[in-house]
Amino acid sequence: MTIEADIQTIFASHAGVTAIVGTHIYPDGAPQDALPVVVHTETTSQTEQTLDGTIVAEAHQVRVECYASTKAGAVALRDACRAALVVAGVPYDSRAPLLNPETGEWGAAIDFIWWDL
């Protein structure tokens, strides 16, 4: 599987997430008017190599953005996504609030490292 597919599966198989968004879980972007919604995106990656150039692991920085019509809704969705990551054994690095001033959509984000060993 791909990283994108693995992350999609983590959220789509977690009852707390799907209770809020149903199937509105997307990589890289979401259709308009899809609230509430989860969008996951790989933002950067770094290769770990041995001295002879053998790739032993890749670290992928991933951002999960959770959007809803209210701040409380976005935070509840973010907390459900965080719980899904904990169940899957994926530690998160940080959380951040988001607000799209053009649309008025509230958001909350989680950043984590996905290790591909």
PDB file of N, CA and C in Angstrom:
ATOM      1  N   MET A   1       0.835  -1.190   0.000  1.00  0.00           N
ATOM      2  CA  MET A   1       0.000   0.000   0.000  1.00  0.00           C
ATOM      3  C   MET A   1       0.875   1.247   0.000  1.00  0.00           C
ATOM      4  N   THR A   2       0.283   2.356  -0.343  1.00  0.00           N
ATOM      5  CA  THR A   2       0.989   3.634  -0.305  1.00  0.00           C
ATOM      6  C   THR A   2       0.736   4.310   1.035  1.00  0.00           C
ATOM      7  N   ILE A   3       1.554   5.287   1.334  1.00  0.00           N
ATOM      8  CA  ILE A   3       1.357   6.060   2.562  1.00  0.00           C
ATOM      9  C   ILE A   3      -0.033   6.687   2.559  1.00  0.00           C
ATOM     10  N   GLU A   4      -0.384   7.254   1.427  1.00  0.00           N
ATOM     11  CA  GLU A   4      -1.700   7.894   1.282  1.00  0.00           C
ATOM     12  C   GLU A   4      -2.824   6.904   1.591  1.00  0.00           C
ATOM     13  N   ALA A   5      -2.721   5.693   1.046  1.00  0.00           N
ATOM     14  CA  ALA A   5      -3.757   4.673   1.273  1.00  0.00           C
ATOM     15  C   ALA A   5      -3.772   4.211   2.727  1.00  0.00           C
ATOM     16  N   ASP A   6      -2.589   4.072   3.330  1.00  0.00           N
ATOM     17  CA  ASP A   6      -2.528   3.662   4.737  1.00  0.00           C
ATOM     18  C   ASP A   6      -3.183   4.697   5.646  1.00  0.00           C
ATOM     19  N   ILE A   7      -2.884   5.971   5.410  1.00  0.00           N
ATOM     20  CA  ILE A   7      -3.464   7.041   6.229  1.00  0.00           C
ATOM     21  C   ILE A   7      -4.977   7.101   6.009  1.00  0.00           C
ATOM     22  N   GLN A   8      -5.395   6.967   4.768  1.00  0.00           N
ATOM     23  CA  GLN A   8      -6.823   6.956   4.452  1.00  0.00           C
ATOM     24  C   GLN A   8      -7.523   5.844   5.236  1.00  0.00           C
ATOM     25  N   THR A   9      -6.909   4.666   5.278  1.00  0.00           N
ATOM     26  CA  THR A   9      -7.489   3.514   5.977  1.00  0.00           C
ATOM     27  C   THR A   9      -7.589   3.761   7.473  1.00  0.00           C
ATOM     28  N   ILE A  10      -6.557   4.392   8.054  1.00  0.00           N
ATOM     29  CA  ILE A  10      -6.590   4.684   9.499  1.00  0.00           C
ATOM     30  C   ILE A  10      -7.822   5.505   9.848  1.00  0.00           C
ATOM     31  N   PHE A  11      -8.080   6.562   9.087  1.00  0.00           N
ATOM     32  CA  PHE A  11      -9.215   7.430   9.402  1.00  0.00           C
ATOM     33  C   PHE A  11     -10.548   6.809   8.998  1.00  0.00           C
ATOM     34  N   ALA A  12     -10.606   6.166   7.836  1.00  0.00           N
ATOM     35  CA  ALA A  12     -11.860   5.588   7.350  1.00  0.00           C
ATOM     36  C   ALA A  12     -12.322   4.394   8.177  1.00  0.00           C
ATOM     37  N   SER A  13     -11.403   3.766   8.906  1.00  0.00           N
ATOM     38  CA  SER A  13     -11.785   2.609   9.715  1.00  0.00           C
ATOM     39  C   SER A  13     -12.007   2.958  11.187  1.00  0.00           C
ATOM     40  N   HIS A  14     -11.907   4.228  11.535  1.00  0.00           N
ATOM     41  CA  HIS A  14     -12.099   4.649  12.925  1.00  0.00           C
ATOM     42  C   HIS A  14     -13.518   5.191  13.103  1.00  0.00           C
ATOM     43  N   ALA A  15     -14.272   4.552  13.965  1.00  0.00           N
ATOM     44  CA  ALA A  15     -15.684   4.906  14.157  1.00  0.00           C
ATOM     45  C   ALA A  15     -15.872   6.355  14.599  1.00  0.00           C
ATOM     46  N   GLY A  16     -14.973   6.875  15.415  1.00  0.00           N
ATOM     47  CA  GLY A  16     -15.095   8.256  15.879  1.00  0.00           C
ATOM     48  C   GLY A  16     -14.967   9.260  14.746  1.00  0.00           C
ATOM     49  N   VAL A  17     -14.084   8.975  13.792  1.00  0.00           N
ATOM     50  CA  VAL A  17     -13.907   9.862  12.637  1.00  0.00           C
ATOM     51  C   VAL A  17     -15.103   9.744  11.698  1.00  0.00           C
ATOM     52  N   THR A  18     -15.460   8.525  11.342  1.00  0.00           N
ATOM     53  CA  THR A  18     -16.548   8.339  10.368  1.00  0.00           C
ATOM     54  C   THR A  18     -17.906   8.775  10.923  1.00  0.00           C
ATOM     55  N   ALA A  19     -18.061   8.767  12.247  1.00  0.00           N
ATOM     56  CA  ALA A  19     -19.309   9.261  12.829  1.00  0.00           C
ATOM     57  C   ALA A  19     -19.488  10.752  12.555  1.00  0.00           C
ATOM     58  N   ILE A  20     -18.390  11.462  12.401  1.00  0.00           N
ATOM     59  CA  ILE A  20     -18.452  12.906  12.162  1.00  0.00           C
ATOM     60  C   ILE A  20     -18.464  13.232  10.675  1.00  0.00           C
ATOM     61  N   VAL A  21     -17.601  12.580   9.887  1.00  0.00           N
ATOM     62  CA  VAL A  21     -17.450  12.967   8.478  1.00  0.00           C
ATOM     63  C   VAL A  21     -18.025  11.970   7.476  1.00  0.00           C
ATOM     64  N   GLY A  22     -18.424  10.795   7.922  1.00  0.00           N
ATOM     65  CA  GLY A  22     -18.869   9.780   6.961  1.00  0.00           C
ATOM     66  C   GLY A  22     -17.690   9.379   6.094  1.00  0.00           C
ATOM     67  N   THR A  23     -17.788   9.613   4.807  1.00  0.00           N
ATOM     68  CA  THR A  23     -16.706   9.260   3.879  1.00  0.00           C
ATOM     69  C   THR A  23     -15.931  10.485   3.402  1.00  0.00           C
ATOM     70  N   HIS A  24     -16.131  11.623   4.014  1.00  0.00           N
ATOM     71  CA  HIS A  24     -15.449  12.862   3.591  1.00  0.00           C
ATOM     72  C   HIS A  24     -14.021  12.908   4.117  1.00  0.00           C
ATOM     73  N   ILE A  25     -13.180  12.004   3.627  1.00  0.00           N
ATOM     74  CA  ILE A  25     -11.767  11.916   3.982  1.00  0.00           C
ATOM     75  C   ILE A  25     -11.007  11.901   2.663  1.00  0.00           C
ATOM     76  N   TYR A  26     -10.148  12.916   2.459  1.00  0.00           N
ATOM     77  CA  TYR A  26      -9.524  13.082   1.148  1.00  0.00           C
ATOM     78  C   TYR A  26      -8.021  13.340   1.270  1.00  0.00           C
ATOM     79  N   PRO A  27      -7.241  12.848   0.309  1.00  0.00           N
ATOM     80  CA  PRO A  27      -5.840  13.241   0.232  1.00  0.00           C
ATOM     81  C   PRO A  27      -5.717  14.560  -0.542  1.00  0.00           C
ATOM     82  N   ASP A  28      -4.906  15.451  -0.062  1.00  0.00           N
ATOM     83  CA  ASP A  28      -4.490  16.671  -0.765  1.00  0.00           C
ATOM     84  C   ASP A  28      -5.527  17.775  -0.924  1.00  0.00           C
ATOM     85  N   GLY A  29      -6.775  17.501  -0.976  1.00  0.00           N
ATOM     86  CA  GLY A  29      -7.788  18.552  -1.127  1.00  0.00           C
ATOM     87  C   GLY A  29      -9.179  17.941  -1.101  1.00  0.00           C
ATOM     88  N   ALA A  30     -10.166  18.774  -0.876  1.00  0.00           N
ATOM     89  CA  ALA A  30     -11.544  18.293  -0.771  1.00  0.00           C
ATOM     90  C   ALA A  30     -12.449  19.105  -1.684  1.00  0.00           C
ATOM     91  N   PRO A  31     -13.551  18.501  -2.125  1.00  0.00           N
ATOM     92  CA  PRO A  31     -14.508  19.276  -2.903  1.00  0.00           C
ATOM     93  C   PRO A  31     -15.141  20.369  -2.045  1.00  0.00           C
ATOM     94  N   GLN A  32     -15.611  21.415  -2.690  1.00  0.00           N
ATOM     95  CA  GLN A  32     -16.294  22.475  -1.949  1.00  0.00           C
ATOM     96  C   GLN A  32     -17.564  21.912  -1.325  1.00  0.00           C
ATOM     97  N   ASP A  33     -17.971  22.521  -0.233  1.00  0.00           N
ATOM     98  CA  ASP A  33     -19.201  22.150   0.467  1.00  0.00           C
ATOM     99  C   ASP A  33     -19.177  20.717   0.974  1.00  0.00           C
ATOM    100  N   ALA A  34     -18.014  20.237   1.397  1.00  0.00           N
ATOM    101  CA  ALA A  34     -17.899  18.871   1.905  1.00  0.00           C
ATOM    102  C   ALA A  34     -17.818  18.821   3.426  1.00  0.00           C
ATOM    103  N   LEU A  35     -18.162  19.914   4.109  1.00  0.00           N
ATOM    104  CA  LEU A  35     -18.025  19.950   5.569  1.00  0.00           C
ATOM    105  C   LEU A  35     -18.968  18.997   6.262  1.00  0.00           C
ATOM    106  N   PRO A  36     -18.530  18.415   7.366  1.00  0.00           N
ATOM    107  CA  PRO A  36     -17.169  18.382   7.889  1.00  0.00           C
ATOM    108  C   PRO A  36     -16.301  17.465   7.026  1.00  0.00           C
ATOM    109  N   VAL A  37     -14.992  17.724   7.056  1.00  0.00           N
ATOM    110  CA  VAL A  37     -14.089  17.010   6.158  1.00  0.00           C
ATOM    111  C   VAL A  37     -12.703  16.862   6.779  1.00  0.00           C
ATOM    112  N   VAL A  38     -12.026  15.775   6.403  1.00  0.00           N
ATOM    113  CA  VAL A  38     -10.630  15.543   6.771  1.00  0.00           C
ATOM    114  C   VAL A  38      -9.809  15.536   5.486  1.00  0.00           C
ATOM    115  N   VAL A  39      -8.723  16.313   5.472  1.00  0.00           N
ATOM    116  CA  VAL A  39      -7.808  16.339   4.333  1.00  0.00           C
ATOM    117  C   VAL A  39      -6.413  16.013   4.867  1.00  0.00           C
ATOM    118  N   HIS A  40      -5.779  14.994   4.287  1.00  0.00           N
ATOM    119  CA  HIS A  40      -4.414  14.645   4.709  1.00  0.00           C
ATOM    120  C   HIS A  40      -3.461  14.838   3.535  1.00  0.00           C
ATOM    121  N   THR A  41      -2.297  15.437   3.843  1.00  0.00           N
ATOM    122  CA  THR A  41      -1.330  15.788   2.816  1.00  0.00           C
ATOM    123  C   THR A  41       0.085  15.519   3.307  1.00  0.00           C
ATOM    124  N   GLU A  42       0.885  14.888   2.458  1.00  0.00           N
ATOM    125  CA  GLU A  42       2.307  14.747   2.759  1.00  0.00           C
ATOM    126  C   GLU A  42       2.969  16.076   2.402  1.00  0.00           C
ATOM    127  N   THR A  43       3.616  16.700   3.379  1.00  0.00           N
ATOM    128  CA  THR A  43       4.199  18.021   3.127  1.00  0.00           C
ATOM    129  C   THR A  43       5.676  17.957   2.768  1.00  0.00           C
ATOM    130  N   THR A  44       6.432  17.079   3.389  1.00  0.00           N
ATOM    131  CA  THR A  44       7.841  16.889   3.058  1.00  0.00           C
ATOM    132  C   THR A  44       8.232  15.449   3.325  1.00  0.00           C
ATOM    133  N   SER A  45       9.379  15.052   2.786  1.00  0.00           N
ATOM    134  CA  SER A  45       9.917  13.727   3.115  1.00  0.00           C
ATOM    135  C   SER A  45      11.435  13.806   3.157  1.00  0.00           C
ATOM    136  N   GLN A  46      12.010  12.877   3.896  1.00  0.00           N
ATOM    137  CA  GLN A  46      13.453  12.826   4.040  1.00  0.00           C
ATOM    138  C   GLN A  46      13.875  11.371   4.028  1.00  0.00           C
ATOM    139  N   THR A  47      14.920  11.075   3.274  1.00  0.00           N
ATOM    140  CA  THR A  47      15.431   9.719   3.169  1.00  0.00           C
ATOM    141  C   THR A  47      16.556   9.506   4.171  1.00  0.00           C
ATOM    142  N   GLU A  48      16.499   8.390   4.872  1.00  0.00           N
ATOM    143  CA  GLU A  48      17.571   7.994   5.781  1.00  0.00           C
ATOM    144  C   GLU A  48      18.396   6.926   5.080  1.00  0.00           C
ATOM    145  N   GLN A  49      19.713   7.156   4.952  1.00  0.00           N
ATOM    146  CA  GLN A  49      20.571   6.239   4.223  1.00  0.00           C
ATOM    147  C   GLN A  49      21.767   5.820   5.067  1.00  0.00           C
ATOM    148  N   THR A  50      22.310   4.648   4.729  1.00  0.00           N
ATOM    149  CA  THR A  50      23.563   4.218   5.325  1.00  0.00           C
ATOM    150  C   THR A  50      24.702   4.878   4.551  1.00  0.00           C
ATOM    151  N   LEU A  51      25.923   4.709   5.013  1.00  0.00           N
ATOM    152  CA  LEU A  51      27.078   5.321   4.347  1.00  0.00           C
ATOM    153  C   LEU A  51      27.268   4.830   2.919  1.00  0.00           C
ATOM    154  N   ASP A  52      26.826   3.603   2.628  1.00  0.00           N
ATOM    155  CA  ASP A  52      26.983   3.092   1.260  1.00  0.00           C
ATOM    156  C   ASP A  52      25.829   3.487   0.344  1.00  0.00           C
ATOM    157  N   GLY A  53      24.914   4.300   0.846  1.00  0.00           N
ATOM    158  CA  GLY A  53      23.809   4.788   0.028  1.00  0.00           C
ATOM    159  C   GLY A  53      22.545   3.961   0.086  1.00  0.00           C
ATOM    160  N   THR A  54      22.548   2.904   0.872  1.00  0.00           N
ATOM    161  CA  THR A  54      21.349   2.074   1.004  1.00  0.00           C
ATOM    162  C   THR A  54      20.279   2.840   1.769  1.00  0.00           C
ATOM    163  N   ILE A  55      19.099   2.931   1.188  1.00  0.00           N
ATOM    164  CA  ILE A  55      17.983   3.608   1.861  1.00  0.00           C
ATOM    165  C   ILE A  55      17.383   2.650   2.879  1.00  0.00           C
ATOM    166  N   VAL A  56      17.370   3.066   4.129  1.00  0.00           N
ATOM    167  CA  VAL A  56      16.849   2.209   5.192  1.00  0.00           C
ATOM    168  C   VAL A  56      15.489   2.676   5.702  1.00  0.00           C
ATOM    169  N   ALA A  57      15.145   3.924   5.454  1.00  0.00           N
ATOM    170  CA  ALA A  57      13.851   4.438   5.908  1.00  0.00           C
ATOM    171  C   ALA A  57      13.589   5.782   5.240  1.00  0.00           C
ATOM    172  N   GLU A  58      12.307   6.140   5.197  1.00  0.00           N
ATOM    173  CA  GLU A  58      11.911   7.467   4.747  1.00  0.00           C
ATOM    174  C   GLU A  58      10.959   8.049   5.781  1.00  0.00           C
ATOM    175  N   ALA A  59      11.210   9.303   6.124  1.00  0.00           N
ATOM    176  CA  ALA A  59      10.345  10.017   7.057  1.00  0.00           C
ATOM    177  C   ALA A  59       9.494  10.995   6.257  1.00  0.00           C
ATOM    178  N   HIS A  60       8.192  10.868   6.374  1.00  0.00           N
ATOM    179  CA  HIS A  60       7.258  11.720   5.639  1.00  0.00           C
ATOM    180  C   HIS A  60       6.506  12.599   6.641  1.00  0.00           C
ATOM    181  N   GLN A  61       6.627  13.894   6.483  1.00  0.00           N
ATOM    182  CA  GLN A  61       5.856  14.824   7.315  1.00  0.00           C
ATOM    183  C   GLN A  61       4.455  14.901   6.729  1.00  0.00           C
ATOM    184  N   VAL A  62       3.462  14.665   7.565  1.00  0.00           N
ATOM    185  CA  VAL A  62       2.069  14.656   7.114  1.00  0.00           C
ATOM    186  C   VAL A  62       1.275  15.669   7.923  1.00  0.00           C
ATOM    187  N   ARG A  63       0.405  16.388   7.244  1.00  0.00           N
ATOM    188  CA  ARG A  63      -0.513  17.314   7.909  1.00  0.00           C
ATOM    189  C   ARG A  63      -1.925  16.814   7.673  1.00  0.00           C
ATOM    190  N   VAL A  64      -2.701  16.745   8.742  1.00  0.00           N
ATOM    191  CA  VAL A  64      -4.114  16.389   8.678  1.00  0.00           C
ATOM    192  C   VAL A  64      -4.889  17.640   9.057  1.00  0.00           C
ATOM    193  N   GLU A  65      -5.726  18.110   8.138  1.00  0.00           N
ATOM    194  CA  GLU A  65      -6.548  19.287   8.402  1.00  0.00           C
ATOM    195  C   GLU A  65      -7.997  18.849   8.518  1.00  0.00           C
ATOM    196  N   CYS A  66      -8.620  19.259   9.611  1.00  0.00           N
ATOM    197  CA  CYS A  66     -10.006  18.903   9.904  1.00  0.00           C
ATOM    198  C   CYS A  66     -10.837  20.179   9.863  1.00  0.00           C
ATOM    199  N   TYR A  67     -11.831  20.214   8.989  1.00  0.00           N
ATOM    200  CA  TYR A  67     -12.649  21.415   8.816  1.00  0.00           C
ATOM    201  C   TYR A  67     -14.105  21.127   9.170  1.00  0.00           C
ATOM    202  N   ALA A  68     -14.730  22.133   9.761  1.00  0.00           N
ATOM    203  CA  ALA A  68     -16.145  22.052  10.125  1.00  0.00           C
ATOM    204  C   ALA A  68     -16.723  23.465  10.099  1.00  0.00           C
ATOM    205  N   SER A  69     -18.017  23.560  10.292  1.00  0.00           N
ATOM    206  CA  SER A  69     -18.665  24.877  10.243  1.00  0.00           C
ATOM    207  C   SER A  69     -18.479  25.670  11.534  1.00  0.00           C
ATOM    208  N   THR A  70     -18.024  25.003  12.604  1.00  0.00           N
ATOM    209  CA  THR A  70     -17.763  25.690  13.868  1.00  0.00           C
ATOM    210  C   THR A  70     -16.384  25.297  14.389  1.00  0.00           C
ATOM    211  N   LYS A  71     -15.836  26.133  15.248  1.00  0.00           N
ATOM    212  CA  LYS A  71     -14.543  25.823  15.847  1.00  0.00           C
ATOM    213  C   LYS A  71     -14.647  24.553  16.687  1.00  0.00           C
ATOM    214  N   ALA A  72     -15.707  24.422  17.469  1.00  0.00           N
ATOM    215  CA  ALA A  72     -15.889  23.236  18.306  1.00  0.00           C
ATOM    216  C   ALA A  72     -15.990  21.971  17.455  1.00  0.00           C
ATOM    217  N   GLY A  73     -16.653  22.075  16.315  1.00  0.00           N
ATOM    218  CA  GLY A  73     -16.766  20.931  15.413  1.00  0.00           C
ATOM    219  C   GLY A  73     -15.424  20.524  14.842  1.00  0.00           C
ATOM    220  N   ALA A  74     -14.606  21.519  14.481  1.00  0.00           N
ATOM    221  CA  ALA A  74     -13.273  21.239  13.940  1.00  0.00           C
ATOM    222  C   ALA A  74     -12.381  20.593  15.001  1.00  0.00           C
ATOM    223  N   VAL A  75     -12.459  21.079  16.221  1.00  0.00           N
ATOM    224  CA  VAL A  75     -11.653  20.527  17.309  1.00  0.00           C
ATOM    225  C   VAL A  75     -12.101  19.098  17.627  1.00  0.00           C
ATOM    226  N   ALA A  76     -13.404  18.859  17.652  1.00  0.00           N
ATOM    227  CA  ALA A  76     -13.911  17.500  17.908  1.00  0.00           C
ATOM    228  C   ALA A  76     -13.438  16.533  16.824  1.00  0.00           C
ATOM    229  N   LEU A  77     -13.451  16.982  15.587  1.00  0.00           N
ATOM    230  CA  LEU A  77     -12.982  16.140  14.488  1.00  0.00           C
ATOM    231  C   LEU A  77     -11.480  15.898  14.598  1.00  0.00           C
ATOM    232  N   ARG A  78     -10.728  16.937  14.923  1.00  0.00           N
ATOM    233  CA  ARG A  78      -9.286  16.766  15.117  1.00  0.00           C
ATOM    234  C   ARG A  78      -9.000  15.768  16.231  1.00  0.00           C
ATOM    235  N   ASP A  79      -9.751  15.851  17.317  1.00  0.00           N
ATOM    236  CA  ASP A  79      -9.550  14.924  18.430  1.00  0.00           C
ATOM    237  C   ASP A  79      -9.891  13.491  18.028  1.00  0.00           C
ATOM    238  N   ALA A  80     -10.893  13.315  17.177  1.00  0.00           N
ATOM    239  CA  ALA A  80     -11.224  11.983  16.676  1.00  0.00           C
ATOM    240  C   ALA A  80     -10.103  11.451  15.789  1.00  0.00           C
ATOM    241  N   CYS A  81      -9.532  12.308  14.962  1.00  0.00           N
ATOM    242  CA  CYS A  81      -8.402  11.903  14.113  1.00  0.00           C
ATOM    243  C   CYS A  81      -7.183  11.574  14.964  1.00  0.00           C
ATOM    244  N   ARG A  82      -6.969  12.358  15.995  1.00  0.00           N
ATOM    245  CA  ARG A  82      -5.844  12.087  16.907  1.00  0.00           C
ATOM    246  C   ARG A  82      -6.031  10.726  17.572  1.00  0.00           C
ATOM    247  N   ALA A  83      -7.255  10.419  17.984  1.00  0.00           N
ATOM    248  CA  ALA A  83      -7.540   9.112  18.587  1.00  0.00           C
ATOM    249  C   ALA A  83      -7.291   7.982  17.591  1.00  0.00           C
ATOM    250  N   ALA A  84      -7.641   8.194  16.329  1.00  0.00           N
ATOM    251  CA  ALA A  84      -7.399   7.188  15.297  1.00  0.00           C
ATOM    252  C   ALA A  84      -5.904   6.945  15.124  1.00  0.00           C
ATOM    253  N   LEU A  85      -5.114   8.016  15.159  1.00  0.00           N
ATOM    254  CA  LEU A  85      -3.665   7.870  15.044  1.00  0.00           C
ATOM    255  C   LEU A  85      -3.085   7.129  16.242  1.00  0.00           C
ATOM    256  N   VAL A  86      -3.577   7.428  17.434  1.00  0.00           N
ATOM    257  CA  VAL A  86      -3.099   6.749  18.643  1.00  0.00           C
ATOM    258  C   VAL A  86      -3.390   5.253  18.557  1.00  0.00           C
ATOM    259  N   VAL A  87      -4.604   4.892  18.146  1.00  0.00           N
ATOM    260  CA  VAL A  87      -4.969   3.479  18.002  1.00  0.00           C
ATOM    261  C   VAL A  87      -4.045   2.784  16.991  1.00  0.00           C
ATOM    262  N   ALA A  88      -3.675   3.498  15.943  1.00  0.00           N
ATOM    263  CA  ALA A  88      -2.807   2.928  14.904  1.00  0.00           C
ATOM    264  C   ALA A  88      -1.325   2.969  15.294  1.00  0.00           C
ATOM    265  N   GLY A  89      -1.005   3.546  16.457  1.00  0.00           N
ATOM    266  CA  GLY A  89       0.375   3.608  16.906  1.00  0.00           C
ATOM    267  C   GLY A  89       1.210   4.676  16.219  1.00  0.00           C
ATOM    268  N   VAL A  90       0.539   5.729  15.738  1.00  0.00           N
ATOM    269  CA  VAL A  90       1.231   6.819  15.046  1.00  0.00           C
ATOM    270  C   VAL A  90       1.263   8.033  15.976  1.00  0.00           C
ATOM    271  N   PRO A  91       2.441   8.361  16.533  1.00  0.00           N
ATOM    272  CA  PRO A  91       2.514   9.529  17.412  1.00  0.00           C
ATOM    273  C   PRO A  91       2.451  10.825  16.609  1.00  0.00           C
ATOM    274  N   TYR A  92       1.762  11.815  17.149  1.00  0.00           N
ATOM    275  CA  TYR A  92       1.662  13.092  16.446  1.00  0.00           C
ATOM    276  C   TYR A  92       2.639  14.088  17.053  1.00  0.00           C
ATOM    277  N   ASP A  93       3.056  15.058  16.229  1.00  0.00           N
ATOM    278  CA  ASP A  93       4.031  16.059  16.661  1.00  0.00           C
ATOM    279  C   ASP A  93       3.365  17.292  17.259  1.00  0.00           C
ATOM    280  N   SER A  94       2.342  17.793  16.575  1.00  0.00           N
ATOM    281  CA  SER A  94       1.762  19.059  17.016  1.00  0.00           C
ATOM    282  C   SER A  94       0.318  19.189  16.559  1.00  0.00           C
ATOM    283  N   ARG A  95      -0.353  20.153  17.174  1.00  0.00           N
ATOM    284  CA  ARG A  95      -1.716  20.507  16.792  1.00  0.00           C
ATOM    285  C   ARG A  95      -1.758  22.007  16.571  1.00  0.00           C
ATOM    286  N   ALA A  96      -2.643  22.444  15.680  1.00  0.00           N
ATOM    287  CA  ALA A  96      -2.729  23.879  15.388  1.00  0.00           C
ATOM    288  C   ALA A  96      -4.156  24.241  14.984  1.00  0.00           C
ATOM    289  N   PRO A  97      -4.614  25.448  15.353  1.00  0.00           N
ATOM    290  CA  PRO A  97      -5.912  25.926  14.879  1.00  0.00           C
ATOM    291  C   PRO A  97      -5.786  26.481  13.467  1.00  0.00           C
ATOM    292  N   LEU A  98      -6.887  26.440  12.729  1.00  0.00           N
ATOM    293  CA  LEU A  98      -6.932  26.982  11.369  1.00  0.00           C
ATOM    294  C   LEU A  98      -8.226  27.759  11.198  1.00  0.00           C
ATOM    295  N   LEU A  99      -8.212  28.764  10.336  1.00  0.00           N
ATOM    296  CA  LEU A  99      -9.432  29.468   9.946  1.00  0.00           C
ATOM    297  C   LEU A  99      -9.222  29.993   8.536  1.00  0.00           C
ATOM    298  N   ASN A 100     -10.153  29.668   7.654  1.00  0.00           N
ATOM    299  CA  ASN A 100     -10.110  30.189   6.293  1.00  0.00           C
ATOM    300  C   ASN A 100     -10.954  31.453   6.266  1.00  0.00           C
ATOM    301  N   PRO A 101     -10.332  32.629   6.213  1.00  0.00           N
ATOM    302  CA  PRO A 101     -11.099  33.881   6.279  1.00  0.00           C
ATOM    303  C   PRO A 101     -12.005  34.088   5.069  1.00  0.00           C
ATOM    304  N   GLU A 102     -11.672  33.467   3.936  1.00  0.00           N
ATOM    305  CA  GLU A 102     -12.502  33.632   2.741  1.00  0.00           C
ATOM    306  C   GLU A 102     -13.811  32.862   2.827  1.00  0.00           C
ATOM    307  N   THR A 103     -13.769  31.687   3.436  1.00  0.00           N
ATOM    308  CA  THR A 103     -14.973  30.842   3.491  1.00  0.00           C
ATOM    309  C   THR A 103     -15.615  30.799   4.866  1.00  0.00           C
ATOM    310  N   GLY A 104     -14.863  31.210   5.891  1.00  0.00           N
ATOM    311  CA  GLY A 104     -15.376  31.129   7.250  1.00  0.00           C
ATOM    312  C   GLY A 104     -15.322  29.729   7.823  1.00  0.00           C
ATOM    313  N   GLU A 105     -14.636  28.815   7.144  1.00  0.00           N
ATOM    314  CA  GLU A 105     -14.515  27.443   7.645  1.00  0.00           C
ATOM    315  C   GLU A 105     -13.506  27.401   8.787  1.00  0.00           C
ATOM    316  N   TRP A 106     -13.888  26.729   9.852  1.00  0.00           N
ATOM    317  CA  TRP A 106     -12.993  26.530  10.980  1.00  0.00           C
ATOM    318  C   TRP A 106     -12.221  25.246  10.751  1.00  0.00           C
ATOM    319  N   GLY A 107     -11.000  25.244  11.204  1.00  0.00           N
ATOM    320  CA  GLY A 107     -10.190  24.051  11.056  1.00  0.00           C
ATOM    321  C   GLY A 107      -9.291  23.822  12.253  1.00  0.00           C
ATOM    322  N   ALA A 108      -8.799  22.613  12.318  1.00  0.00           N
ATOM    323  CA  ALA A 108      -7.824  22.234  13.330  1.00  0.00           C
ATOM    324  C   ALA A 108      -6.920  21.202  12.678  1.00  0.00           C
ATOM    325  N   ALA A 109      -5.621  21.324  12.910  1.00  0.00           N
ATOM    326  CA  ALA A 109      -4.667  20.464  12.209  1.00  0.00           C
ATOM    327  C   ALA A 109      -3.829  19.644  13.179  1.00  0.00           C
ATOM    328  N   ILE A 110      -3.346  18.531  12.650  1.00  0.00           N
ATOM    329  CA  ILE A 110      -2.396  17.666  13.346  1.00  0.00           C
ATOM    330  C   ILE A 110      -1.236  17.441  12.386  1.00  0.00           C
ATOM    331  N   ASP A 111      -0.026  17.508  12.890  1.00  0.00           N
ATOM    332  CA  ASP A 111       1.159  17.186  12.104  1.00  0.00           C
ATOM    333  C   ASP A 111       1.823  15.958  12.726  1.00  0.00           C
ATOM    334  N   PHE A 112       2.287  15.047  11.871  1.00  0.00           N
ATOM    335  CA  PHE A 112       3.007  13.881  12.369  1.00  0.00           C
ATOM    336  C   PHE A 112       3.987  13.385  11.332  1.00  0.00           C
ATOM    337  N   ILE A 113       4.909  12.537  11.787  1.00  0.00           N
ATOM    338  CA  ILE A 113       5.892  11.908  10.917  1.00  0.00           C
ATOM    339  C   ILE A 113       5.438  10.469  10.657  1.00  0.00           C
ATOM    340  N   TRP A 114       5.376  10.100   9.384  1.00  0.00           N
ATOM    341  CA  TRP A 114       5.052   8.725   8.992  1.00  0.00           C
ATOM    342  C   TRP A 114       6.352   8.078   8.534  1.00  0.00           C
ATOM    343  N   TRP A 115       6.768   7.057   9.245  1.00  0.00           N
ATOM    344  CA  TRP A 115       8.015   6.367   8.904  1.00  0.00           C
ATOM    345  C   TRP A 115       7.728   5.216   7.982  1.00  0.00           C
ATOM    346  N   ASP A 116       8.390   5.193   6.848  1.00  0.00           N
ATOM    347  CA  ASP A 116       8.292   4.101   5.887  1.00  0.00           C
ATOM    348  C   ASP A 116       9.592   3.319   5.984  1.00  0.00           C
ATOM    349  N   LEU A 117       9.550   2.182   6.692  1.00  0.00           N
ATOM    350  CA  LEU A 117      10.766   1.406   6.939  1.00  0.00           C
ATOM    351  C   LEU A 117      10.936   0.284   5.945  1.00  0.00           C
TER     352      LEU A 117
END
